[in-house]
PDB file of N, CA and C in Angstrom:
ATOM      1  N   UNK A   1     -30.150 -14.090  -4.012  1.00  0.00           N
ATOM      2  CA  UNK A   1     -29.966 -14.441  -2.280  1.00  0.00           C
ATOM      3  C   UNK A   1     -29.723 -13.183  -1.328  1.00  0.00           C
ATOM      4  N   UNK A   2     -30.060 -13.066  -0.660  1.00  0.00           N
ATOM      5  CA  UNK A   2     -30.054 -12.465   0.365  1.00  0.00           C
ATOM      6  C   UNK A   2     -29.201 -12.466   1.148  1.00  0.00           C
ATOM      7  N   UNK A   3     -28.313 -12.036   2.012  1.00  0.00           N
ATOM      8  CA  UNK A   3     -26.987 -12.979   3.115  1.00  0.00           C
ATOM      9  C   UNK A   3     -27.885 -12.546   4.268  1.00  0.00           C
ATOM     10  N   UNK A   4     -27.793 -13.779   5.019  1.00  0.00           N
ATOM     11  CA  UNK A   4     -28.298 -14.275   6.495  1.00  0.00           C
ATOM     12  C   UNK A   4     -27.408 -13.036   7.579  1.00  0.00           C
ATOM     13  N   UNK A   5     -27.712 -13.075   8.507  1.00  0.00           N
ATOM     14  CA  UNK A   5     -26.390 -11.930   9.714  1.00  0.00           C
ATOM     15  C   UNK A   5     -24.731 -12.800   9.505  1.00  0.00           C
ATOM     16  N   UNK A   6     -24.969 -14.254   9.597  1.00  0.00           N
ATOM     17  CA  UNK A   6     -23.962 -14.742  10.114  1.00  0.00           C
ATOM     18  C   UNK A   6     -22.937 -14.803   8.255  1.00  0.00           C
ATOM     19  N   UNK A   7     -23.438 -14.243   7.425  1.00  0.00           N
ATOM     20  CA  UNK A   7     -23.177 -14.473   6.098  1.00  0.00           C
ATOM     21  C   UNK A   7     -22.869 -12.601   5.466  1.00  0.00           C
ATOM     22  N   UNK A   8     -22.699 -12.164   6.616  1.00  0.00           N
ATOM     23  CA  UNK A   8     -22.430 -10.344   5.731  1.00  0.00           C
ATOM     24  C   UNK A   8     -21.255 -10.578   5.635  1.00  0.00           C
ATOM     25  N   UNK A   9     -20.555  -9.831   4.509  1.00  0.00           N
ATOM     26  CA  UNK A   9     -19.744  -9.675   3.802  1.00  0.00           C
ATOM     27  C   UNK A   9     -19.141  -7.992   3.645  1.00  0.00           C
ATOM     28  N   UNK A  10     -18.592  -7.905   3.418  1.00  0.00           N
ATOM     29  CA  UNK A  10     -17.865  -6.653   3.045  1.00  0.00           C
ATOM     30  C   UNK A  10     -16.758  -6.992   2.080  1.00  0.00           C
ATOM     31  N   UNK A  11     -17.349  -6.492   1.053  1.00  0.00           N
ATOM     32  CA  UNK A  11     -16.190  -6.464  -0.633  1.00  0.00           C
ATOM     33  C   UNK A  11     -16.069  -5.107  -0.810  1.00  0.00           C
ATOM     34  N   UNK A  12     -14.511  -5.186  -0.690  1.00  0.00           N
ATOM     35  CA  UNK A  12     -13.700  -4.142  -0.600  1.00  0.00           C
ATOM     36  C   UNK A  12     -12.611  -3.938  -1.826  1.00  0.00           C
ATOM     37  N   UNK A  13     -13.166  -2.764  -3.062  1.00  0.00           N
ATOM     38  CA  UNK A  13     -12.468  -2.941  -4.294  1.00  0.00           C
ATOM     39  C   UNK A  13     -11.044  -2.552  -3.806  1.00  0.00           C
ATOM     40  N   UNK A  14     -10.107  -2.854  -3.907  1.00  0.00           N
ATOM     41  CA  UNK A  14      -9.101  -2.647  -3.516  1.00  0.00           C
ATOM     42  C   UNK A  14      -8.005  -1.268  -4.661  1.00  0.00           C
ATOM     43  N   UNK A  15      -8.586  -1.353  -6.003  1.00  0.00           N
ATOM     44  CA  UNK A  15      -8.101   0.092  -6.643  1.00  0.00           C
ATOM     45  C   UNK A  15      -8.960   0.978  -6.389  1.00  0.00           C
ATOM     46  N   UNK A  16      -8.841   2.663  -7.132  1.00  0.00           N
ATOM     47  CA  UNK A  16      -9.180   3.322  -7.437  1.00  0.00           C
ATOM     48  C   UNK A  16     -10.585   3.192  -8.278  1.00  0.00           C
ATOM     49  N   UNK A  17     -11.465   4.213  -8.392  1.00  0.00           N
ATOM     50  CA  UNK A  17     -12.938   4.290  -8.506  1.00  0.00           C
ATOM     51  C   UNK A  17     -13.446   5.715  -9.061  1.00  0.00           C
ATOM     52  N   UNK A  18     -14.068   5.790 -10.337  1.00  0.00           N
ATOM     53  CA  UNK A  18     -14.075   7.319 -10.249  1.00  0.00           C
ATOM     54  C   UNK A  18     -15.509   7.415  -9.163  1.00  0.00           C
ATOM     55  N   UNK A  19     -15.330   8.588  -8.326  1.00  0.00           N
ATOM     56  CA  UNK A  19     -16.791   8.937  -7.241  1.00  0.00           C
ATOM     57  C   UNK A  19     -17.967   9.935  -8.112  1.00  0.00           C
ATOM     58  N   UNK A  20     -17.597   9.945  -9.108  1.00  0.00           N
ATOM     59  CA  UNK A  20     -19.187  10.403 -10.374  1.00  0.00           C
ATOM     60  C   UNK A  20     -20.277   9.161 -10.173  1.00  0.00           C
ATOM     61  N   UNK A  21     -18.891   8.049 -10.284  1.00  0.00           N
ATOM     62  CA  UNK A  21     -19.922   7.226 -10.275  1.00  0.00           C
ATOM     63  C   UNK A  21     -21.670   6.853  -9.241  1.00  0.00           C
ATOM     64  N   UNK A  22     -22.608   6.409 -10.084  1.00  0.00           N
ATOM     65  CA  UNK A  22     -23.769   6.817  -9.137  1.00  0.00           C
ATOM     66  C   UNK A  22     -23.781   4.888  -8.587  1.00  0.00           C
ATOM     67  N   UNK A  23     -24.634   4.874  -7.852  1.00  0.00           N
ATOM     68  CA  UNK A  23     -26.003   3.637  -7.728  1.00  0.00           C
ATOM     69  C   UNK A  23     -25.783   2.813  -9.451  1.00  0.00           C
ATOM     70  N   UNK A  24     -26.234   3.244 -10.428  1.00  0.00           N
ATOM     71  CA  UNK A  24     -26.470   2.126 -11.060  1.00  0.00           C
ATOM     72  C   UNK A  24     -24.977   1.385 -12.160  1.00  0.00           C
ATOM     73  N   UNK A  25     -24.705   2.661 -12.126  1.00  0.00           N
ATOM     74  CA  UNK A  25     -22.920   2.211 -11.877  1.00  0.00           C
ATOM     75  C   UNK A  25     -21.961   1.440 -11.447  1.00  0.00           C
ATOM     76  N   UNK A  26     -22.276   1.386 -10.716  1.00  0.00           N
ATOM     77  CA  UNK A  26     -21.356   1.158  -9.158  1.00  0.00           C
ATOM     78  C   UNK A  26     -21.934  -0.688  -9.351  1.00  0.00           C
ATOM     79  N   UNK A  27     -23.526  -0.535  -9.067  1.00  0.00           N
ATOM     80  CA  UNK A  27     -23.723  -1.566  -8.871  1.00  0.00           C
ATOM     81  C   UNK A  27     -23.150  -2.787 -10.387  1.00  0.00           C
ATOM     82  N   UNK A  28     -23.038  -2.442 -11.260  1.00  0.00           N
ATOM     83  CA  UNK A  28     -22.834  -2.814 -12.667  1.00  0.00           C
ATOM     84  C   UNK A  28     -21.351  -3.228 -12.220  1.00  0.00           C
ATOM     85  N   UNK A  29     -20.316  -2.538 -12.286  1.00  0.00           N
ATOM     86  CA  UNK A  29     -19.321  -2.313 -11.517  1.00  0.00           C
ATOM     87  C   UNK A  29     -19.462  -4.117 -10.635  1.00  0.00           C
ATOM     88  N   UNK A  30     -20.333  -4.345  -9.921  1.00  0.00           N
ATOM     89  CA  UNK A  30     -20.469  -5.166  -9.012  1.00  0.00           C
ATOM     90  C   UNK A  30     -20.278  -6.654  -9.692  1.00  0.00           C
ATOM     91  N   UNK A  31     -21.407  -6.742 -10.568  1.00  0.00           N
ATOM     92  CA  UNK A  31     -21.631  -7.771 -11.124  1.00  0.00           C
ATOM     93  C   UNK A  31     -21.109  -7.758 -12.010  1.00  0.00           C
ATOM     94  N   UNK A  32     -20.221  -6.822 -13.382  1.00  0.00           N
ATOM     95  CA  UNK A  32     -19.385  -7.105 -14.522  1.00  0.00           C
ATOM     96  C   UNK A  32     -18.622  -7.628 -13.960  1.00  0.00           C
ATOM     97  N   UNK A  33     -18.291  -6.062 -13.301  1.00  0.00           N
ATOM     98  CA  UNK A  33     -16.178  -6.135 -13.515  1.00  0.00           C
ATOM     99  C   UNK A  33     -16.091  -6.763 -11.873  1.00  0.00           C
ATOM    100  N   UNK A  34     -16.505  -7.321 -11.201  1.00  0.00           N
ATOM    101  CA  UNK A  34     -16.021  -8.423 -10.109  1.00  0.00           C
ATOM    102  C   UNK A  34     -16.607 -10.098  -9.716  1.00  0.00           C
ATOM    103  N   UNK A  35     -17.892  -9.988 -11.353  1.00  0.00           N
ATOM    104  CA  UNK A  35     -18.619 -10.993 -11.272  1.00  0.00           C
ATOM    105  C   UNK A  35     -18.734 -11.235  -9.644  1.00  0.00           C
ATOM    106  N   UNK A  36     -19.866 -10.567  -8.738  1.00  0.00           N
ATOM    107  CA  UNK A  36     -20.600 -10.553  -7.418  1.00  0.00           C
ATOM    108  C   UNK A  36     -21.956 -10.341  -8.037  1.00  0.00           C
ATOM    109  N   UNK A  37     -22.720 -10.584  -6.671  1.00  0.00           N
ATOM    110  CA  UNK A  37     -24.064 -10.838  -6.752  1.00  0.00           C
ATOM    111  C   UNK A  37     -24.444  -9.375  -6.143  1.00  0.00           C
ATOM    112  N   UNK A  38     -24.752  -7.932  -6.699  1.00  0.00           N
ATOM    113  CA  UNK A  38     -24.588  -6.560  -6.342  1.00  0.00           C
ATOM    114  C   UNK A  38     -26.182  -6.505  -5.110  1.00  0.00           C
ATOM    115  N   UNK A  39     -27.004  -8.241  -5.045  1.00  0.00           N
ATOM    116  CA  UNK A  39     -28.342  -8.473  -4.725  1.00  0.00           C
ATOM    117  C   UNK A  39     -28.199  -8.909  -3.518  1.00  0.00           C
ATOM    118  N   UNK A  40     -27.005  -9.413  -3.116  1.00  0.00           N
ATOM    119  CA  UNK A  40     -26.829 -10.115  -2.114  1.00  0.00           C
ATOM    120  C   UNK A  40     -26.776 -10.090  -0.953  1.00  0.00           C
ATOM    121  N   UNK A  41     -26.995  -8.683  -0.799  1.00  0.00           N
ATOM    122  CA  UNK A  41     -27.274  -7.932   1.116  1.00  0.00           C
ATOM    123  C   UNK A  41     -26.169  -7.922   1.434  1.00  0.00           C
ATOM    124  N   UNK A  42     -24.361  -8.236   0.887  1.00  0.00           N
ATOM    125  CA  UNK A  42     -23.329  -8.167   1.298  1.00  0.00           C
ATOM    126  C   UNK A  42     -23.165  -6.253   1.219  1.00  0.00           C
ATOM    127  N   UNK A  43     -22.075  -5.659   1.821  1.00  0.00           N
ATOM    128  CA  UNK A  43     -21.197  -4.313   1.117  1.00  0.00           C
ATOM    129  C   UNK A  43     -20.605  -4.145   0.339  1.00  0.00           C
ATOM    130  N   UNK A  44     -20.075  -3.421  -0.536  1.00  0.00           N
ATOM    131  CA  UNK A  44     -19.425  -3.143  -1.607  1.00  0.00           C
ATOM    132  C   UNK A  44     -18.501  -1.921  -1.669  1.00  0.00           C
ATOM    133  N   UNK A  45     -17.488  -1.545  -0.763  1.00  0.00           N
ATOM    134  CA  UNK A  45     -17.020  -0.506  -1.032  1.00  0.00           C
ATOM    135  C   UNK A  45     -15.714   0.212  -1.987  1.00  0.00           C
ATOM    136  N   UNK A  46     -15.379   1.516  -1.950  1.00  0.00           N
ATOM    137  CA  UNK A  46     -15.072   1.638  -3.373  1.00  0.00           C
ATOM    138  C   UNK A  46     -14.649   3.249  -2.689  1.00  0.00           C
ATOM    139  N   UNK A  47     -13.068   3.484  -3.172  1.00  0.00           N
ATOM    140  CA  UNK A  47     -12.205   4.996  -2.830  1.00  0.00           C
ATOM    141  C   UNK A  47     -11.769   5.395  -4.313  1.00  0.00           C
ATOM    142  N   UNK A  48     -11.778   6.596  -4.133  1.00  0.00           N
ATOM    143  CA  UNK A  48     -11.083   6.902  -5.011  1.00  0.00           C
ATOM    144  C   UNK A  48      -9.720   7.449  -5.334  1.00  0.00           C
ATOM    145  N   UNK A  49      -9.141   8.080  -5.858  1.00  0.00           N
ATOM    146  CA  UNK A  49      -7.562   7.988  -6.157  1.00  0.00           C
ATOM    147  C   UNK A  49      -6.707   8.311  -5.036  1.00  0.00           C
ATOM    148  N   UNK A  50      -7.347   9.368  -4.298  1.00  0.00           N
ATOM    149  CA  UNK A  50      -6.918   9.818  -3.564  1.00  0.00           C
ATOM    150  C   UNK A  50      -6.915   9.727  -2.347  1.00  0.00           C
ATOM    151  N   UNK A  51      -8.002   8.547  -1.909  1.00  0.00           N
ATOM    152  CA  UNK A  51      -8.408   7.735  -0.606  1.00  0.00           C
ATOM    153  C   UNK A  51      -8.767   8.888   0.089  1.00  0.00           C
ATOM    154  N   UNK A  52      -9.109  10.081   0.224  1.00  0.00           N
ATOM    155  CA  UNK A  52     -10.081  10.641   0.944  1.00  0.00           C
ATOM    156  C   UNK A  52     -11.471  10.597   0.800  1.00  0.00           C
ATOM    157  N   UNK A  53     -12.317   9.898   0.387  1.00  0.00           N
ATOM    158  CA  UNK A  53     -14.035   9.327  -0.170  1.00  0.00           C
ATOM    159  C   UNK A  53     -13.894   7.740  -0.343  1.00  0.00           C
ATOM    160  N   UNK A  54     -14.974   7.509   0.104  1.00  0.00           N
ATOM    161  CA  UNK A  54     -15.254   6.237   0.777  1.00  0.00           C
ATOM    162  C   UNK A  54     -17.030   6.102  -0.016  1.00  0.00           C
ATOM    163  N   UNK A  55     -17.474   4.997  -0.931  1.00  0.00           N
ATOM    164  CA  UNK A  55     -18.870   4.950  -1.178  1.00  0.00           C
ATOM    165  C   UNK A  55     -18.710   3.755  -1.319  1.00  0.00           C
ATOM    166  N   UNK A  56     -20.659   3.349  -0.015  1.00  0.00           N
ATOM    167  CA  UNK A  56     -20.346   1.461   0.412  1.00  0.00           C
ATOM    168  C   UNK A  56     -21.802   1.802  -0.674  1.00  0.00           C
ATOM    169  N   UNK A  57     -22.055   0.767  -1.359  1.00  0.00           N
ATOM    170  CA  UNK A  57     -22.978  -0.127  -1.988  1.00  0.00           C
ATOM    171  C   UNK A  57     -23.822  -0.880  -1.183  1.00  0.00           C
ATOM    172  N   UNK A  58     -24.749  -1.354  -0.826  1.00  0.00           N
ATOM    173  CA  UNK A  58     -25.754  -2.572  -0.428  1.00  0.00           C
ATOM    174  C   UNK A  58     -27.566  -1.894  -0.935  1.00  0.00           C
ATOM    175  N   UNK A  59     -27.549  -3.627  -0.882  1.00  0.00           N
ATOM    176  CA  UNK A  59     -29.010  -3.565  -1.067  1.00  0.00           C
ATOM    177  C   UNK A  59     -29.721  -3.922  -0.202  1.00  0.00           C
ATOM    178  N   UNK A  60     -30.831  -3.355   0.202  1.00  0.00           N
ATOM    179  CA  UNK A  60     -31.581  -3.528   1.078  1.00  0.00           C
ATOM    180  C   UNK A  60     -32.940  -3.270   1.282  1.00  0.00           C
ATOM    181  N   UNK A  61     -33.256  -4.997   1.208  1.00  0.00           N
ATOM    182  CA  UNK A  61     -34.480  -5.268   1.185  1.00  0.00           C
ATOM    183  C   UNK A  61     -35.658  -5.037  -0.246  1.00  0.00           C
ATOM    184  N   UNK A  62     -35.446  -3.802  -0.728  1.00  0.00           N
ATOM    185  CA  UNK A  62     -36.481  -3.564  -1.774  1.00  0.00           C
ATOM    186  C   UNK A  62     -35.758  -2.170  -2.691  1.00  0.00           C
ATOM    187  N   UNK A  63     -34.537  -1.962  -2.084  1.00  0.00           N
ATOM    188  CA  UNK A  63     -33.511  -0.965  -2.711  1.00  0.00           C
ATOM    189  C   UNK A  63     -32.757  -0.811  -2.479  1.00  0.00           C
ATOM    190  N   UNK A  64     -31.913  -0.664  -3.496  1.00  0.00           N
ATOM    191  CA  UNK A  64     -29.751   0.524  -3.207  1.00  0.00           C
ATOM    192  C   UNK A  64     -30.049   0.974  -2.230  1.00  0.00           C
ATOM    193  N   UNK A  65     -28.953   1.180  -1.403  1.00  0.00           N
ATOM    194  CA  UNK A  65     -28.178   2.195  -0.801  1.00  0.00           C
ATOM    195  C   UNK A  65     -26.804   2.490  -1.070  1.00  0.00           C
ATOM    196  N   UNK A  66     -26.574   4.192  -1.053  1.00  0.00           N
ATOM    197  CA  UNK A  66     -25.267   4.139  -1.420  1.00  0.00           C
ATOM    198  C   UNK A  66     -24.733   5.299  -0.080  1.00  0.00           C
ATOM    199  N   UNK A  67     -24.064   5.252   0.816  1.00  0.00           N
ATOM    200  CA  UNK A  67     -23.446   5.435   1.920  1.00  0.00           C
ATOM    201  C   UNK A  67     -22.119   5.682   1.428  1.00  0.00           C
ATOM    202  N   UNK A  68     -21.876   7.529   1.688  1.00  0.00           N
ATOM    203  CA  UNK A  68     -20.377   8.239   1.591  1.00  0.00           C
ATOM    204  C   UNK A  68     -20.004   8.866   2.542  1.00  0.00           C
ATOM    205  N   UNK A  69     -18.349   8.625   2.733  1.00  0.00           N
ATOM    206  CA  UNK A  69     -17.552   9.530   3.754  1.00  0.00           C
ATOM    207  C   UNK A  69     -17.068  10.525   2.687  1.00  0.00           C
ATOM    208  N   UNK A  70     -16.653  11.643   2.873  1.00  0.00           N
ATOM    209  CA  UNK A  70     -15.467  12.460   2.820  1.00  0.00           C
ATOM    210  C   UNK A  70     -14.530  12.944   4.093  1.00  0.00           C
ATOM    211  N   UNK A  71     -13.228  12.671   3.485  1.00  0.00           N
ATOM    212  CA  UNK A  71     -12.484  12.981   4.478  1.00  0.00           C
ATOM    213  C   UNK A  71     -11.870  14.460   4.081  1.00  0.00           C
ATOM    214  N   UNK A  72     -11.951  15.578   5.740  1.00  0.00           N
ATOM    215  CA  UNK A  72     -11.404  17.060   5.379  1.00  0.00           C
ATOM    216  C   UNK A  72      -9.794  16.952   4.926  1.00  0.00           C
ATOM    217  N   UNK A  73      -9.519  16.365   5.795  1.00  0.00           N
ATOM    218  CA  UNK A  73      -7.994  16.393   5.523  1.00  0.00           C
ATOM    219  C   UNK A  73      -7.174  14.701   5.513  1.00  0.00           C
ATOM    220  N   UNK A  74      -7.223  14.443   6.239  1.00  0.00           N
ATOM    221  CA  UNK A  74      -7.074  12.834   6.310  1.00  0.00           C
ATOM    222  C   UNK A  74      -6.903  11.784   4.852  1.00  0.00           C
ATOM    223  N   UNK A  75      -6.304  10.633   5.127  1.00  0.00           N
ATOM    224  CA  UNK A  75      -6.667   9.860   3.439  1.00  0.00           C
ATOM    225  C   UNK A  75      -6.913   8.168   4.630  1.00  0.00           C
ATOM    226  N   UNK A  76      -7.690   7.572   4.024  1.00  0.00           N
ATOM    227  CA  UNK A  76      -8.231   6.513   4.457  1.00  0.00           C
ATOM    228  C   UNK A  76      -6.737   5.927   4.186  1.00  0.00           C
ATOM    229  N   UNK A  77      -6.596   4.876   4.916  1.00  0.00           N
ATOM    230  CA  UNK A  77      -5.731   3.494   4.688  1.00  0.00           C
ATOM    231  C   UNK A  77      -5.822   2.152   3.663  1.00  0.00           C
ATOM    232  N   UNK A  78      -6.046   3.049   2.861  1.00  0.00           N
ATOM    233  CA  UNK A  78      -6.361   1.755   1.585  1.00  0.00           C
ATOM    234  C   UNK A  78      -6.037   0.634   1.831  1.00  0.00           C
ATOM    235  N   UNK A  79      -5.942  -0.843   1.711  1.00  0.00           N
ATOM    236  CA  UNK A  79      -4.820  -1.613   1.267  1.00  0.00           C
ATOM    237  C   UNK A  79      -4.832  -1.676   0.073  1.00  0.00           C
ATOM    238  N   UNK A  80      -3.547  -2.026  -0.208  1.00  0.00           N
ATOM    239  CA  UNK A  80      -2.872  -2.356  -1.120  1.00  0.00           C
ATOM    240  C   UNK A  80      -3.056  -4.133  -1.675  1.00  0.00           C
ATOM    241  N   UNK A  81      -3.159  -4.789  -2.692  1.00  0.00           N
ATOM    242  CA  UNK A  81      -3.549  -6.116  -2.986  1.00  0.00           C
ATOM    243  C   UNK A  81      -2.913  -6.500  -4.216  1.00  0.00           C
ATOM    244  N   UNK A  82      -3.399  -7.260  -4.534  1.00  0.00           N
ATOM    245  CA  UNK A  82      -2.870  -8.061  -6.111  1.00  0.00           C
ATOM    246  C   UNK A  82      -4.233  -8.495  -6.260  1.00  0.00           C
ATOM    247  N   UNK A  83      -5.214  -8.683  -5.596  1.00  0.00           N
ATOM    248  CA  UNK A  83      -6.705  -9.002  -5.762  1.00  0.00           C
ATOM    249  C   UNK A  83      -7.308  -8.070  -6.072  1.00  0.00           C
ATOM    250  N   UNK A  84      -7.983  -8.057  -7.253  1.00  0.00           N
ATOM    251  CA  UNK A  84      -9.114  -7.182  -6.983  1.00  0.00           C
ATOM    252  C   UNK A  84     -10.147  -6.639  -6.030  1.00  0.00           C
ATOM    253  N   UNK A  85     -10.426  -7.185  -5.814  1.00  0.00           N
ATOM    254  CA  UNK A  85     -11.561  -7.033  -4.549  1.00  0.00           C
ATOM    255  C   UNK A  85     -11.083  -8.402  -3.606  1.00  0.00           C
ATOM    256  N   UNK A  86     -11.074  -7.230  -1.788  1.00  0.00           N
ATOM    257  CA  UNK A  86     -10.605  -7.691  -1.026  1.00  0.00           C
ATOM    258  C   UNK A  86     -11.841  -8.368   0.250  1.00  0.00           C
ATOM    259  N   UNK A  87     -12.434  -9.765   0.729  1.00  0.00           N
ATOM    260  CA  UNK A  87     -13.187  -9.601   1.267  1.00  0.00           C
ATOM    261  C   UNK A  87     -12.809  -9.323   3.040  1.00  0.00           C
ATOM    262  N   UNK A  88     -13.861  -8.702   3.490  1.00  0.00           N
ATOM    263  CA  UNK A  88     -13.305  -7.950   4.784  1.00  0.00           C
ATOM    264  C   UNK A  88     -14.118  -8.858   6.147  1.00  0.00           C
ATOM    265  N   UNK A  89     -14.994  -8.351   6.788  1.00  0.00           N
ATOM    266  CA  UNK A  89     -15.441  -8.053   8.207  1.00  0.00           C
ATOM    267  C   UNK A  89     -16.154  -6.695   8.781  1.00  0.00           C
ATOM    268  N   UNK A  90     -17.423  -7.352   9.198  1.00  0.00           N
ATOM    269  CA  UNK A  90     -17.908  -5.930   9.676  1.00  0.00           C
ATOM    270  C   UNK A  90     -16.340  -4.579  10.592  1.00  0.00           C
ATOM    271  N   UNK A  91     -15.724  -5.148  11.811  1.00  0.00           N
ATOM    272  CA  UNK A  91     -14.830  -4.792  12.338  1.00  0.00           C
ATOM    273  C   UNK A  91     -14.058  -4.169  11.844  1.00  0.00           C
ATOM    274  N   UNK A  92     -13.146  -4.952  10.663  1.00  0.00           N
ATOM    275  CA  UNK A  92     -12.086  -4.293   9.709  1.00  0.00           C
ATOM    276  C   UNK A  92     -12.748  -2.813   8.888  1.00  0.00           C
ATOM    277  N   UNK A  93     -13.938  -3.130   8.749  1.00  0.00           N
ATOM    278  CA  UNK A  93     -14.581  -2.141   7.791  1.00  0.00           C
ATOM    279  C   UNK A  93     -14.467  -0.629   8.655  1.00  0.00           C
ATOM    280  N   UNK A  94     -14.804  -0.925   9.900  1.00  0.00           N
ATOM    281  CA  UNK A  94     -15.124   0.598  11.014  1.00  0.00           C
ATOM    282  C   UNK A  94     -13.496  -0.121  11.244  1.00  0.00           C
ATOM    283  N   UNK A  95     -12.908  -0.181  11.391  1.00  0.00           N
ATOM    284  CA  UNK A  95     -11.451   0.255  11.489  1.00  0.00           C
ATOM    285  C   UNK A  95     -11.036   0.932  10.093  1.00  0.00           C
ATOM    286  N   UNK A  96     -11.372   0.466   8.778  1.00  0.00           N
ATOM    287  CA  UNK A  96     -10.724   1.709   7.810  1.00  0.00           C
ATOM    288  C   UNK A  96     -11.175   2.902   7.678  1.00  0.00           C
ATOM    289  N   UNK A  97     -12.682   2.828   8.012  1.00  0.00           N
ATOM    290  CA  UNK A  97     -14.011   4.306   8.597  1.00  0.00           C
ATOM    291  C   UNK A  97     -12.424   5.029   9.633  1.00  0.00           C
ATOM    292  N   UNK A  98     -12.217   4.453  10.382  1.00  0.00           N
ATOM    293  CA  UNK A  98     -11.920   5.231  11.672  1.00  0.00           C
ATOM    294  C   UNK A  98     -10.480   5.581  11.432  1.00  0.00           C
ATOM    295  N   UNK A  99      -9.485   5.132  10.064  1.00  0.00           N
ATOM    296  CA  UNK A  99      -8.578   5.594   9.727  1.00  0.00           C
ATOM    297  C   UNK A  99      -7.352   4.790   9.909  1.00  0.00           C
ATOM    298  N   UNK A 100      -7.707   3.185  10.866  1.00  0.00           N
ATOM    299  CA  UNK A 100      -6.973   2.285  11.492  1.00  0.00           C
ATOM    300  C   UNK A 100      -6.678   1.323   9.849  1.00  0.00           C
ATOM    301  N   UNK A 101      -5.270   0.553   9.525  1.00  0.00           N
ATOM    302  CA  UNK A 101      -5.503  -0.192   8.775  1.00  0.00           C
ATOM    303  C   UNK A 101      -6.026  -1.252   9.850  1.00  0.00           C
ATOM    304  N   UNK A 102      -6.592  -1.934   8.150  1.00  0.00           N
ATOM    305  CA  UNK A 102      -7.268  -3.465   8.032  1.00  0.00           C
ATOM    306  C   UNK A 102      -6.429  -4.626   9.134  1.00  0.00           C
ATOM    307  N   UNK A 103      -5.071  -4.843   8.573  1.00  0.00           N
ATOM    308  CA  UNK A 103      -4.557  -5.519   9.874  1.00  0.00           C
ATOM    309  C   UNK A 103      -3.670  -5.068  10.790  1.00  0.00           C
ATOM    310  N   UNK A 104      -4.401  -5.519  11.731  1.00  0.00           N
ATOM    311  CA  UNK A 104      -4.138  -4.629  13.369  1.00  0.00           C
ATOM    312  C   UNK A 104      -3.247  -6.136  13.657  1.00  0.00           C
ATOM    313  N   UNK A 105      -1.902  -6.202  13.660  1.00  0.00           N
ATOM    314  CA  UNK A 105      -0.837  -7.024  13.695  1.00  0.00           C
ATOM    315  C   UNK A 105      -1.062  -7.705  15.854  1.00  0.00           C
ATOM    316  N   UNK A 106      -1.249  -6.167  15.832  1.00  0.00           N
ATOM    317  CA  UNK A 106      -1.098  -6.537  17.371  1.00  0.00           C
ATOM    318  C   UNK A 106      -2.231  -6.578  18.339  1.00  0.00           C
ATOM    319  N   UNK A 107      -3.223  -6.582  17.545  1.00  0.00           N
ATOM    320  CA  UNK A 107      -4.779  -7.009  18.206  1.00  0.00           C
ATOM    321  C   UNK A 107      -4.239  -8.364  19.008  1.00  0.00           C
ATOM    322  N   UNK A 108      -5.590  -8.736  20.075  1.00  0.00           N
ATOM    323  CA  UNK A 108      -5.641 -10.366  20.496  1.00  0.00           C
ATOM    324  C   UNK A 108      -5.676 -11.049  19.661  1.00  0.00           C
ATOM    325  N   UNK A 109      -4.884 -12.539  20.571  1.00  0.00           N
ATOM    326  CA  UNK A 109      -4.990 -13.440  19.801  1.00  0.00           C
ATOM    327  C   UNK A 109      -6.788 -14.039  19.610  1.00  0.00           C
ATOM    328  N   UNK A 110      -7.311 -14.761  18.617  1.00  0.00           N
ATOM    329  CA  UNK A 110      -8.223 -15.496  19.206  1.00  0.00           C
ATOM    330  C   UNK A 110      -8.165 -17.201  19.926  1.00  0.00           C
ATOM    331  N   UNK A 111      -8.630 -17.647  21.193  1.00  0.00           N
ATOM    332  CA  UNK A 111      -8.372 -18.411  21.679  1.00  0.00           C
ATOM    333  C   UNK A 111      -9.586 -18.842  21.419  1.00  0.00           C
ATOM    334  N   UNK A 112      -9.725 -20.671  21.408  1.00  0.00           N
ATOM    335  CA  UNK A 112     -10.793 -21.209  21.638  1.00  0.00           C
ATOM    336  C   UNK A 112     -10.450 -22.861  22.903  1.00  0.00           C
ATOM    337  N   UNK A 113     -11.343 -22.891  23.655  1.00  0.00           N
ATOM    338  CA  UNK A 113     -11.269 -23.649  24.346  1.00  0.00           C
ATOM    339  C   UNK A 113     -12.537 -24.990  24.343  1.00  0.00           C
ATOM    340  N   UNK A 114     -12.205 -26.320  24.301  1.00  0.00           N
ATOM    341  CA  UNK A 114     -13.397 -27.553  24.242  1.00  0.00           C
ATOM    342  C   UNK A 114     -13.786 -27.656  25.946  1.00  0.00           C
ATOM    343  N   UNK A 115     -12.868 -27.196  27.218  1.00  0.00           N
ATOM    344  CA  UNK A 115     -13.537 -27.333  28.542  1.00  0.00           C
ATOM    345  C   UNK A 115     -13.448 -26.062  29.123  1.00  0.00           C
ATOM    346  N   UNK A 116     -14.574 -25.962  29.996  1.00  0.00           N
ATOM    347  CA  UNK A 116     -14.493 -24.759  31.469  1.00  0.00           C
ATOM    348  C   UNK A 116     -14.365 -25.364  32.373  1.00  0.00           C
ATOM    349  N   UNK A 117     -13.781 -25.072  33.303  1.00  0.00           N
ATOM    350  CA  UNK A 117     -12.935 -25.418  34.307  1.00  0.00           C
ATOM    351  C   UNK A 117     -13.941 -25.172  35.481  1.00  0.00           C
TER     352      UNK A 117
END
């Protein structure tokens, strides 16, 4: 089952992963280690122990894609959690890759109105 645009998710592996892992090894980790479907069209993000590298695995129509970013001086603000996997949106992934915390406590709140004046 491929994710529809509104159902797109980013699954972030909270622990560290050996960055020597390739597409096949990461897909097996997603499937067997986290009991998730690597073919669903979602993104699966992994980081190394030092938090200087991120790999993102995803399925795109007819094959896997593996995206990697390595920082030269800084570290990613990788979240700590008791969960093995966190579910993020694309905005939180962008924050993480930009060096921000995924929990932006000072962000504007969301308001839902039922009428417009």
